[in-house]
C-alpha atoms as a PDB file:
ATOM      1  CA  MET A   1       7.342 -11.177 -19.730  1.00  0.00           C
ATOM      2  CA  LYS A   2       3.741 -11.294 -20.953  1.00  0.00           C
ATOM      3  CA  ILE A   3       1.458  -8.223 -21.000  1.00  0.00           C
ATOM      4  CA  VAL A   4      -2.246  -8.712 -21.772  1.00  0.00           C
ATOM      5  CA  PRO A   5      -5.498  -6.741 -21.248  1.00  0.00           C
ATOM      6  CA  SER A   6      -7.385  -7.721 -18.096  1.00  0.00           C
ATOM      7  CA  LYS A   7      -9.765  -6.331 -15.466  1.00  0.00           C
ATOM      8  CA  TYR A   8      -9.491  -5.429 -11.810  1.00  0.00           C
ATOM      9  CA  LYS A   9     -12.941  -5.454 -10.187  1.00  0.00           C
ATOM     10  CA  ASP A  10     -14.993  -3.505 -12.749  1.00  0.00           C
ATOM     11  CA  ILE A  11     -12.274  -1.473 -14.509  1.00  0.00           C
ATOM     12  CA  PHE A  12      -9.635  -1.983 -17.188  1.00  0.00           C
ATOM     13  CA  ALA A  13      -6.246  -3.342 -16.178  1.00  0.00           C
ATOM     14  CA  LEU A  14      -3.100  -4.697 -17.783  1.00  0.00           C
ATOM     15  CA  GLU A  15      -1.820  -8.016 -16.495  1.00  0.00           C
ATOM     16  CA  VAL A  16       1.969  -8.152 -16.402  1.00  0.00           C
ATOM     17  CA  GLU A  17       3.191 -11.702 -15.896  1.00  0.00           C
ATOM     18  CA  THR A  18       6.778 -12.758 -15.290  1.00  0.00           C
ATOM     19  CA  GLU A  19       8.264 -16.102 -14.343  1.00  0.00           C
ATOM     20  CA  ASN A  20       7.623 -15.465 -10.632  1.00  0.00           C
ATOM     21  CA  TYR A  21       4.912 -12.806 -10.392  1.00  0.00           C
ATOM     22  CA  THR A  22       1.558 -11.700 -11.759  1.00  0.00           C
ATOM     23  CA  THR A  23       0.970  -7.960 -11.494  1.00  0.00           C
ATOM     24  CA  LEU A  24      -2.058  -5.828 -12.369  1.00  0.00           C
ATOM     25  CA  VAL A  25      -1.419  -2.266 -13.558  1.00  0.00           C
ATOM     26  CA  LEU A  26      -4.184   0.341 -13.947  1.00  0.00           C
ATOM     27  CA  PRO A  27      -3.204   2.829 -16.717  1.00  0.00           C
ATOM     28  CA  ASN A  28      -6.299   4.979 -16.167  1.00  0.00           C
ATOM     29  CA  GLU A  29      -5.616   5.249 -12.418  1.00  0.00           C
ATOM     30  CA  GLY A  30      -2.156   6.810 -12.411  1.00  0.00           C
ATOM     31  CA  GLY A  31      -0.414   3.653 -13.583  1.00  0.00           C
ATOM     32  CA  LYS A  32      -1.171   2.186 -10.163  1.00  0.00           C
ATOM     33  CA  ILE A  33       0.031  -1.340  -9.363  1.00  0.00           C
ATOM     34  CA  VAL A  34      -3.021  -2.805  -7.690  1.00  0.00           C
ATOM     35  CA  SER A  35      -1.858  -6.402  -7.303  1.00  0.00           C
ATOM     36  CA  PHE A  36       1.495  -8.152  -6.821  1.00  0.00           C
ATOM     37  CA  PHE A  37       0.946 -11.912  -6.661  1.00  0.00           C
ATOM     38  CA  ASP A  38       3.781 -14.396  -6.166  1.00  0.00           C
ATOM     39  CA  LYS A  39       3.091 -17.553  -8.147  1.00  0.00           C
ATOM     40  CA  ARG A  40       5.535 -19.559  -6.005  1.00  0.00           C
ATOM     41  CA  THR A  41       4.051 -18.720  -2.601  1.00  0.00           C
ATOM     42  CA  GLN A  42       0.489 -18.233  -3.950  1.00  0.00           C
ATOM     43  CA  ARG A  43       0.305 -15.034  -1.911  1.00  0.00           C
ATOM     44  CA  GLU A  44      -0.937 -11.531  -2.702  1.00  0.00           C
ATOM     45  CA  TYR A  45       1.372  -9.014  -1.010  1.00  0.00           C
ATOM     46  CA  LEU A  46      -0.379  -5.689  -1.657  1.00  0.00           C
ATOM     47  CA  ILE A  47      -3.391  -4.579   0.368  1.00  0.00           C
ATOM     48  CA  GLN A  48      -6.763  -4.764  -1.396  1.00  0.00           C
ATOM     49  CA  ASN A  49      -9.752  -2.517  -0.773  1.00  0.00           C
ATOM     50  CA  PRO A  50     -12.735  -4.693   0.263  1.00  0.00           C
ATOM     51  CA  SER A  51     -15.127  -2.760  -1.998  1.00  0.00           C
ATOM     52  CA  GLU A  52     -16.646  -4.895  -4.768  1.00  0.00           C
ATOM     53  CA  THR A  53     -16.374  -2.042  -7.285  1.00  0.00           C
ATOM     54  CA  TYR A  54     -13.331   0.113  -7.855  1.00  0.00           C
ATOM     55  CA  LEU A  55     -13.544   3.434  -5.985  1.00  0.00           C
ATOM     56  CA  GLN A  56     -12.066   5.775  -8.582  1.00  0.00           C
ATOM     57  CA  LEU A  57     -10.098   8.760  -7.314  1.00  0.00           C
ATOM     58  CA  GLY A  58      -9.990  11.398 -10.060  1.00  0.00           C
ATOM     59  CA  LEU A  59      -8.662  14.900  -9.505  1.00  0.00           C
ATOM     60  CA  THR A  60     -11.055  15.777  -6.665  1.00  0.00           C
ATOM     61  CA  GLY A  61     -11.643  12.511  -4.783  1.00  0.00           C
ATOM     62  CA  ASP A  62     -10.727  11.960  -1.137  1.00  0.00           C
ATOM     63  CA  PHE A  63      -7.716   9.628  -1.378  1.00  0.00           C
ATOM     64  CA  GLU A  64      -8.351   7.668   1.818  1.00  0.00           C
ATOM     65  CA  LYS A  65     -12.085   7.329   1.086  1.00  0.00           C
ATOM     66  CA  CYS A  66     -11.485   6.044  -2.441  1.00  0.00           C
ATOM     67  CA  GLU A  67      -9.623   2.843  -3.376  1.00  0.00           C
ATOM     68  CA  CYS A  68      -6.493   3.576  -1.271  1.00  0.00           C
ATOM     69  CA  SER A  69      -4.780   0.249  -1.911  1.00  0.00           C
ATOM     70  CA  GLY A  70      -1.876  -1.309  -3.796  1.00  0.00           C
ATOM     71  CA  PHE A  71       1.075   0.801  -4.958  1.00  0.00           C
ATOM     72  CA  ASP A  72       0.533   4.420  -6.038  1.00  0.00           C
ATOM     73  CA  ASP A  73       3.175   6.939  -7.086  1.00  0.00           C
ATOM     74  CA  MET A  74       3.056  10.223  -5.164  1.00  0.00           C
ATOM     75  CA  PHE A  75       4.286  13.298  -7.068  1.00  0.00           C
ATOM     76  CA  PRO A  76       4.799  16.252  -6.593  1.00  0.00           C
ATOM     77  CA  THR A  77       3.629  15.983  -2.951  1.00  0.00           C
ATOM     78  CA  ILE A  78       2.100  13.688  -0.350  1.00  0.00           C
ATOM     79  CA  ASP A  79      -0.011  16.112   1.683  1.00  0.00           C
ATOM     80  CA  PRO A  80      -1.981  18.805  -0.206  1.00  0.00           C
ATOM     81  CA  VAL A  81      -0.137  22.109  -0.400  1.00  0.00           C
ATOM     82  CA  VAL A  82       0.094  25.328  -2.424  1.00  0.00           C
ATOM     83  CA  VAL A  83       3.516  25.915  -4.006  1.00  0.00           C
ATOM     84  CA  ASP A  84       4.265  29.118  -5.942  1.00  0.00           C
ATOM     85  CA  GLY A  85       0.545  29.650  -6.441  1.00  0.00           C
ATOM     86  CA  LYS A  86      -0.060  26.106  -7.758  1.00  0.00           C
ATOM     87  CA  ASN A  87      -2.269  23.596  -5.956  1.00  0.00           C
ATOM     88  CA  TYR A  88      -0.557  20.264  -5.324  1.00  0.00           C
ATOM     89  CA  PRO A  89      -3.405  17.800  -4.588  1.00  0.00           C
ATOM     90  CA  ASP A  90      -3.507  15.296  -1.727  1.00  0.00           C
ATOM     91  CA  HIS A  91      -1.181  12.339  -2.417  1.00  0.00           C
ATOM     92  CA  GLY A  92       0.001  14.161  -5.534  1.00  0.00           C
ATOM     93  CA  GLU A  93      -1.286  14.568  -9.065  1.00  0.00           C
ATOM     94  CA  VAL A  94       0.067  11.498 -10.877  1.00  0.00           C
ATOM     95  CA  CYS A  95      -1.991   8.973  -8.888  1.00  0.00           C
ATOM     96  CA  ARG A  96      -5.170  10.808  -9.967  1.00  0.00           C
ATOM     97  CA  VAL A  97      -4.781  10.967 -13.758  1.00  0.00           C
ATOM     98  CA  PRO A  98      -4.955   8.583 -16.740  1.00  0.00           C
ATOM     99  CA  PHE A  99      -1.718   7.527 -18.411  1.00  0.00           C
ATOM    100  CA  SER A 100      -1.210   6.575 -22.034  1.00  0.00           C
ATOM    101  CA  TYR A 101       0.592   3.287 -22.509  1.00  0.00           C
ATOM    102  CA  THR A 102       2.485   1.304 -25.119  1.00  0.00           C
ATOM    103  CA  ILE A 103       3.904  -2.212 -25.082  1.00  0.00           C
ATOM    104  CA  ILE A 104       7.426  -2.241 -26.490  1.00  0.00           C
ATOM    105  CA  GLY A 105       8.910  -5.717 -26.641  1.00  0.00           C
ATOM    106  CA  ASN A 106       8.911  -7.024 -23.081  1.00  0.00           C
ATOM    107  CA  SER A 107       8.302  -3.614 -21.501  1.00  0.00           C
ATOM    108  CA  LEU A 108       5.205  -1.619 -20.551  1.00  0.00           C
ATOM    109  CA  VAL A 109       5.732   2.129 -20.995  1.00  0.00           C
ATOM    110  CA  LEU A 110       3.280   4.527 -19.286  1.00  0.00           C
ATOM    111  CA  LYS A 111       3.296   8.301 -19.913  1.00  0.00           C
ATOM    112  CA  TYR A 112       1.599  11.438 -18.626  1.00  0.00           C
ATOM    113  CA  THR A 113       2.123  15.148 -19.270  1.00  0.00           C
ATOM    114  CA  SER A 114       0.946  17.719 -16.726  1.00  0.00           C
ATOM    115  CA  GLU A 115      -0.098  20.892 -18.494  1.00  0.00           C
ATOM    116  CA  THR A 116      -1.064  22.456 -15.159  1.00  0.00           C
ATOM    117  CA  LEU A 117       2.200  21.948 -13.262  1.00  0.00           C
ATOM    118  CA  GLY A 118       4.601  21.529 -16.182  1.00  0.00           C
ATOM    119  CA  TYR A 119       6.277  18.115 -16.209  1.00  0.00           C
ATOM    120  CA  THR A 120       6.348  14.881 -18.157  1.00  0.00           C
ATOM    121  CA  TYR A 121       6.217  11.589 -16.301  1.00  0.00           C
ATOM    122  CA  GLN A 122       7.230   8.206 -17.682  1.00  0.00           C
ATOM    123  CA  LYS A 123       7.437   4.820 -15.987  1.00  0.00           C
ATOM    124  CA  THR A 124       8.639   1.652 -17.710  1.00  0.00           C
ATOM    125  CA  VAL A 125       7.802  -1.765 -16.273  1.00  0.00           C
ATOM    126  CA  SER A 126      10.060  -4.704 -17.143  1.00  0.00           C
ATOM    127  CA  VAL A 127      11.873  -7.702 -15.656  1.00  0.00           C
ATOM    128  CA  GLY A 128      14.866  -6.809 -13.526  1.00  0.00           C
ATOM    129  CA  GLU A 129      17.719  -8.568 -11.787  1.00  0.00           C
ATOM    130  CA  ASN A 130      16.914 -12.021 -10.378  1.00  0.00           C
ATOM    131  CA  GLY A 131      13.432 -11.879 -11.887  1.00  0.00           C
ATOM    132  CA  ALA A 132      12.264  -8.835  -9.913  1.00  0.00           C
ATOM    133  CA  LEU A 133       9.612  -6.504 -11.315  1.00  0.00           C
ATOM    134  CA  LYS A 134      11.587  -3.400 -12.298  1.00  0.00           C
ATOM    135  CA  ILE A 135      10.163   0.096 -12.781  1.00  0.00           C
ATOM    136  CA  ASP A 136      12.269   2.831 -14.404  1.00  0.00           C
ATOM    137  CA  TYR A 137      11.147   6.434 -13.898  1.00  0.00           C
ATOM    138  CA  ALA A 138      11.894   9.600 -15.871  1.00  0.00           C
ATOM    139  CA  ILE A 139      10.295  12.860 -14.676  1.00  0.00           C
ATOM    140  CA  GLN A 140      11.211  15.995 -16.628  1.00  0.00           C
ATOM    141  CA  ASN A 141      10.547  19.615 -15.743  1.00  0.00           C
ATOM    142  CA  ILE A 142       9.057  21.308 -18.835  1.00  0.00           C
ATOM    143  CA  SER A 143       7.515  24.268 -16.972  1.00  0.00           C
ATOM    144  CA  GLY A 144      10.142  26.783 -18.099  1.00  0.00           C
ATOM    145  CA  LYS A 145      11.171  27.452 -14.492  1.00  0.00           C
ATOM    146  CA  ASP A 146      12.489  25.598 -11.459  1.00  0.00           C
ATOM    147  CA  LEU A 147       9.930  23.413  -9.652  1.00  0.00           C
ATOM    148  CA  LYS A 148       9.757  22.378  -6.012  1.00  0.00           C
ATOM    149  CA  VAL A 149       8.668  18.737  -5.930  1.00  0.00           C
ATOM    150  CA  LEU A 150       9.040  15.443  -4.142  1.00  0.00           C
ATOM    151  CA  TRP A 151       8.477  11.869  -5.282  1.00  0.00           C
ATOM    152  CA  SER A 152       7.481   9.076  -2.928  1.00  0.00           C
ATOM    153  CA  ALA A 153       6.296   5.511  -3.245  1.00  0.00           C
ATOM    154  CA  HIS A 154       2.993   4.620  -1.591  1.00  0.00           C
ATOM    155  CA  CYS A 155       3.377   0.854  -1.509  1.00  0.00           C
ATOM    156  CA  LEU A 156       0.769  -0.657   0.836  1.00  0.00           C
ATOM    157  CA  VAL A 157       1.724  -4.178   1.912  1.00  0.00           C
ATOM    158  CA  LYS A 158      -0.477  -6.545   3.933  1.00  0.00           C
ATOM    159  CA  ILE A 159       0.653  -7.053   7.534  1.00  0.00           C
ATOM    160  CA  GLU A 160      -0.087  -9.663  10.197  1.00  0.00           C
ATOM    161  CA  ASN A 161       0.753 -10.077  13.866  1.00  0.00           C
ATOM    162  CA  ASN A 162       4.385 -11.155  14.325  1.00  0.00           C
ATOM    163  CA  GLY A 163       5.418  -9.941  10.907  1.00  0.00           C
ATOM    164  CA  LYS A 164       8.258  -7.436  10.902  1.00  0.00           C
ATOM    165  CA  LEU A 165       9.562  -4.499   8.933  1.00  0.00           C
ATOM    166  CA  LEU A 166      12.912  -4.735   7.189  1.00  0.00           C
ATOM    167  CA  LEU A 167      14.740  -1.414   7.376  1.00  0.00           C
ATOM    168  CA  PRO A 168      18.244  -0.281   6.362  1.00  0.00           C
ATOM    169  CA  PHE A 169      18.972   1.587   9.616  1.00  0.00           C
ATOM    170  CA  GLU A 170      20.910   0.564  12.705  1.00  0.00           C
ATOM    171  CA  GLU A 171      19.546   0.651  16.246  1.00  0.00           C
ATOM    172  CA  ASN A 172      19.211   4.124  17.845  1.00  0.00           C
ATOM    173  CA  GLU A 173      18.788   5.921  14.520  1.00  0.00           C
ATOM    174  CA  PRO A 174      16.655   9.036  15.212  1.00  0.00           C
ATOM    175  CA  VAL A 175      13.117   8.865  13.869  1.00  0.00           C
ATOM    176  CA  ASP A 176      10.177  11.273  13.994  1.00  0.00           C
ATOM    177  CA  CYS A 177       6.837   9.619  14.644  1.00  0.00           C
ATOM    178  CA  VAL A 178       3.304  10.961  14.245  1.00  0.00           C
ATOM    179  CA  TYR A 179       0.601   8.850  15.911  1.00  0.00           C
ATOM    180  CA  HIS A 180      -2.922   9.124  14.488  1.00  0.00           C
ATOM    181  CA  SER A 181      -5.940   7.951  16.474  1.00  0.00           C
ATOM    182  CA  GLU A 182      -9.673   8.562  16.216  1.00  0.00           C
ATOM    183  CA  ASN A 183      -9.262  11.316  18.819  1.00  0.00           C
ATOM    184  CA  ALA A 184      -5.973  13.135  18.242  1.00  0.00           C
ATOM    185  CA  ASP A 185      -2.515  13.242  16.656  1.00  0.00           C
ATOM    186  CA  LEU A 186       0.728  13.153  18.624  1.00  0.00           C
ATOM    187  CA  GLN A 187       4.217  13.802  17.247  1.00  0.00           C
ATOM    188  CA  THR A 188       7.398  12.723  18.993  1.00  0.00           C
ATOM    189  CA  ARG A 189      11.132  12.223  18.284  1.00  0.00           C
ATOM    190  CA  CYS A 190      12.543   8.888  19.424  1.00  0.00           C
ATOM    191  CA  ALA A 191      15.302   6.396  18.645  1.00  0.00           C
ATOM    192  CA  TYR A 192      14.661   3.530  16.237  1.00  0.00           C
ATOM    193  CA  ARG A 193      14.596   0.127  17.879  1.00  0.00           C
ATOM    194  CA  LYS A 194      14.161  -3.031  15.832  1.00  0.00           C
ATOM    195  CA  ALA A 195      11.734  -4.382  18.430  1.00  0.00           C
ATOM    196  CA  ASP A 196       9.381  -1.472  17.648  1.00  0.00           C
ATOM    197  CA  PHE A 197       9.015  -2.768  14.094  1.00  0.00           C
ATOM    198  CA  ILE A 198       7.687  -6.203  14.953  1.00  0.00           C
ATOM    199  CA  ILE A 199       3.995  -6.028  14.099  1.00  0.00           C
ATOM    200  CA  ARG A 200       1.629  -6.016  17.067  1.00  0.00           C
ATOM    201  CA  ILE A 201      -1.878  -5.147  15.859  1.00  0.00           C
ATOM    202  CA  PRO A 202      -3.664  -3.166  18.609  1.00  0.00           C
ATOM    203  CA  GLU A 203      -7.263  -3.686  19.665  1.00  0.00           C
ATOM    204  CA  THR A 204      -8.255  -0.113  18.795  1.00  0.00           C
ATOM    205  CA  LYS A 205      -7.924   1.532  15.392  1.00  0.00           C
ATOM    206  CA  MET A 206      -4.871   3.736  14.962  1.00  0.00           C
ATOM    207  CA  ALA A 207      -2.098   4.601  12.533  1.00  0.00           C
ATOM    208  CA  LYS A 208       1.374   6.098  12.689  1.00  0.00           C
ATOM    209  CA  LYS A 209       3.899   7.580  10.284  1.00  0.00           C
ATOM    210  CA  TRP A 210       7.649   7.292  10.823  1.00  0.00           C
ATOM    211  CA  TYR A 211      10.030   9.770   9.185  1.00  0.00           C
ATOM    212  CA  PHE A 212      13.762   9.064   9.189  1.00  0.00           C
ATOM    213  CA  PRO A 213      15.528  12.446   9.026  1.00  0.00           C
ATOM    214  CA  HIS A 214      18.875  11.004   7.905  1.00  0.00           C
ATOM    215  CA  ARG A 215      19.602   9.628   4.460  1.00  0.00           C
ATOM    216  CA  SER A 216      19.003   5.933   3.929  1.00  0.00           C
ATOM    217  CA  PRO A 217      22.341   4.063   4.079  1.00  0.00           C
ATOM    218  CA  GLN A 218      21.087   1.322   1.734  1.00  0.00           C
ATOM    219  CA  GLY A 219      18.443   1.157  -0.980  1.00  0.00           C
ATOM    220  CA  TYR A 220      15.948  -1.329   0.350  1.00  0.00           C
ATOM    221  CA  VAL A 221      12.887  -1.584   2.581  1.00  0.00           C
ATOM    222  CA  GLY A 222      10.550  -4.515   3.104  1.00  0.00           C
ATOM    223  CA  TYR A 223       8.212  -6.639   5.145  1.00  0.00           C
ATOM    224  CA  GLN A 224       8.732 -10.186   6.407  1.00  0.00           C
ATOM    225  CA  THR A 225       5.669 -12.366   6.962  1.00  0.00           C
ATOM    226  CA  PRO A 226       5.378 -14.555  10.084  1.00  0.00           C
ATOM    227  CA  GLN A 227       6.145 -17.485   7.738  1.00  0.00           C
ATOM    228  CA  GLY A 228       9.484 -15.906   6.767  1.00  0.00           C
ATOM    229  CA  GLU A 229       8.728 -14.669   3.234  1.00  0.00           C
ATOM    230  CA  ARG A 230      10.297 -11.271   2.543  1.00  0.00           C
ATOM    231  CA  PHE A 231       8.625  -8.690   0.289  1.00  0.00           C
ATOM    232  CA  ILE A 232      11.437  -6.336  -0.756  1.00  0.00           C
ATOM    233  CA  LEU A 233      11.271  -2.933  -2.424  1.00  0.00           C
ATOM    234  CA  THR A 234      14.726  -1.893  -3.644  1.00  0.00           C
ATOM    235  CA  PHE A 235      15.415   1.677  -4.720  1.00  0.00           C
ATOM    236  CA  ASP A 236      18.128   4.087  -5.809  1.00  0.00           C
ATOM    237  CA  ASN A 237      19.138   5.637  -2.494  1.00  0.00           C
ATOM    238  CA  GLN A 238      21.091   8.386  -4.259  1.00  0.00           C
ATOM    239  CA  ARG A 239      18.001   9.706  -6.059  1.00  0.00           C
ATOM    240  CA  LEU A 240      15.585   8.561  -3.318  1.00  0.00           C
ATOM    241  CA  PRO A 241      17.684   9.200  -0.212  1.00  0.00           C
ATOM    242  CA  TYR A 242      14.943   9.343   2.446  1.00  0.00           C
ATOM    243  CA  LEU A 243      12.482   6.870   3.886  1.00  0.00           C
ATOM    244  CA  GLY A 244       9.035   7.086   5.439  1.00  0.00           C
ATOM    245  CA  ILE A 245       6.975   4.268   6.940  1.00  0.00           C
ATOM    246  CA  TRP A 246       3.179   4.344   7.326  1.00  0.00           C
ATOM    247  CA  LEU A 247       1.545   1.763   9.609  1.00  0.00           C
ATOM    248  CA  ASP A 248      -2.239   1.488   9.361  1.00  0.00           C
ATOM    249  CA  TYR A 249      -4.103  -0.585  11.942  1.00  0.00           C
ATOM    250  CA  GLY A 250      -7.640  -0.429  10.564  1.00  0.00           C
ATOM    251  CA  MET A 251      -7.979   3.359  10.200  1.00  0.00           C
ATOM    252  CA  VAL A 252      -8.365   3.229   6.389  1.00  0.00           C
ATOM    253  CA  ASN A 253     -10.807   0.743   4.835  1.00  0.00           C
ATOM    254  CA  GLY A 254     -10.608  -1.416   7.960  1.00  0.00           C
ATOM    255  CA  THR A 255      -7.462  -3.059   6.559  1.00  0.00           C
ATOM    256  CA  PHE A 256      -4.020  -3.586   8.105  1.00  0.00           C
ATOM    257  CA  SER A 257      -1.023  -2.477   6.078  1.00  0.00           C
ATOM    258  CA  VAL A 258       2.416  -0.949   6.056  1.00  0.00           C
ATOM    259  CA  GLY A 259       3.206   1.803   3.573  1.00  0.00           C
ATOM    260  CA  LEU A 260       6.777   1.539   2.267  1.00  0.00           C
ATOM    261  CA  GLU A 261       7.743   5.060   1.189  1.00  0.00           C
ATOM    262  CA  PRO A 262      11.244   5.691  -0.162  1.00  0.00           C
ATOM    263  CA  CYS A 263      11.264   9.290  -1.342  1.00  0.00           C
ATOM    264  CA  SER A 264      13.306  12.071  -2.885  1.00  0.00           C
ATOM    265  CA  ALA A 265      12.400  14.284   0.093  1.00  0.00           C
ATOM    266  CA  GLY A 266      10.490  13.477   3.252  1.00  0.00           C
ATOM    267  CA  TYR A 267       7.962  14.892   5.683  1.00  0.00           C
ATOM    268  CA  ASP A 268       5.088  14.894   3.170  1.00  0.00           C
ATOM    269  CA  THR A 269       5.403  18.408   1.663  1.00  0.00           C
ATOM    270  CA  VAL A 270       8.204  20.344  -0.017  1.00  0.00           C
ATOM    271  CA  GLN A 271       8.016  23.040   2.676  1.00  0.00           C
ATOM    272  CA  ASN A 272       8.424  20.501   5.469  1.00  0.00           C
ATOM    273  CA  ALA A 273      11.293  18.841   3.611  1.00  0.00           C
ATOM    274  CA  GLU A 274      13.052  22.192   3.139  1.00  0.00           C
ATOM    275  CA  ASN A 275      12.630  22.908   6.856  1.00  0.00           C
ATOM    276  CA  HIS A 276      14.579  19.680   7.489  1.00  0.00           C
ATOM    277  CA  GLY A 277      17.348  20.720   5.098  1.00  0.00           C
ATOM    278  CA  GLN A 278      16.304  18.419   2.248  1.00  0.00           C
ATOM    279  CA  ASP A 279      16.583  19.276  -1.454  1.00  0.00           C
ATOM    280  CA  VAL A 280      13.277  19.599  -3.346  1.00  0.00           C
ATOM    281  CA  LEU A 281      14.388  21.526  -6.436  1.00  0.00           C
ATOM    282  CA  LEU A 282      13.854  20.077  -9.920  1.00  0.00           C
ATOM    283  CA  LYS A 283      15.532  22.689 -12.079  1.00  0.00           C
ATOM    284  CA  LYS A 284      14.252  23.980 -15.409  1.00  0.00           C
ATOM    285  CA  ASP A 285      14.543  21.248 -18.099  1.00  0.00           C
ATOM    286  CA  GLU A 286      16.105  18.879 -15.557  1.00  0.00           C
ATOM    287  CA  SER A 287      15.050  15.212 -15.406  1.00  0.00           C
ATOM    288  CA  LEU A 288      14.730  13.076 -12.278  1.00  0.00           C
ATOM    289  CA  GLN A 289      15.548   9.477 -13.206  1.00  0.00           C
ATOM    290  CA  PHE A 290      15.667   6.426 -10.951  1.00  0.00           C
ATOM    291  CA  SER A 291      14.636   2.774 -10.696  1.00  0.00           C
ATOM    292  CA  ILE A 292      12.870   0.648  -8.122  1.00  0.00           C
ATOM    293  CA  SER A 293      12.069  -3.058  -8.062  1.00  0.00           C
ATOM    294  CA  LEU A 294       9.652  -5.389  -6.280  1.00  0.00           C
ATOM    295  CA  SER A 295      10.451  -8.970  -5.356  1.00  0.00           C
ATOM    296  CA  VAL A 296       9.811 -11.732  -2.821  1.00  0.00           C
ATOM    297  CA  GLU A 297      12.541 -13.728  -1.121  1.00  0.00           C
ATOM    298  CA  LYS A 298      11.703 -17.065   0.495  1.00  0.00           C
END
């Protein structure tokens, strides 16, 4: 694996190149993975913001009106919420802050310490099984008390008509769906059908979020292009037992994407997760450790 300084639009990036993939990581933007390019298929799989300059987020920016692209980590929340008197910002804190980084052998190690909320956060990028891009996470509670938190991926993948989602659930699995339009939101409980996850881009702008209330039976989620290439995100389904899916048909940045969101707890806030019987407690001095990987199958 080769790691060299680079640029993405007008800001600093690190280019991480493996045998199969070229990836751009932004240390100063939460360690965000802003590009995942397959050298074999010559295809970029992550959604790109059409802005010519990078729309930096910072601690106070509006997430959807800033860059809102690529693969962000969301911790300790997705939606903004107040927990035990502490403000958890929209889409979490870690995607909004600069990380320090070191290159150790063939690994990129990114670190951040939250003085406000009381945790350390480390992610290590390396080559995994079968040439996949592997990311190891270690999140430790240093607050001196128990914390209520959730971690979720926010991996925005390009979609096209007749593409399809690759999910670990069987037909008729219950799923909660929230539909977002320019006029209103509508929430409903339905049964998962594979036919519902074949991409049909509507004429009008809309988006929807799917929440699977049951634990994920397998640790993968992905998207298959109309040409048959399969972008796969694998994850530890013991540490990340739940799965959310965000489908955006032009509502954000005028782009079309699916958000692949394996998570430690679902429904976007720790309160909502607790209401669904899900565990959100990171105990004093405890560490949450897990791995994910990104790959393309042809």
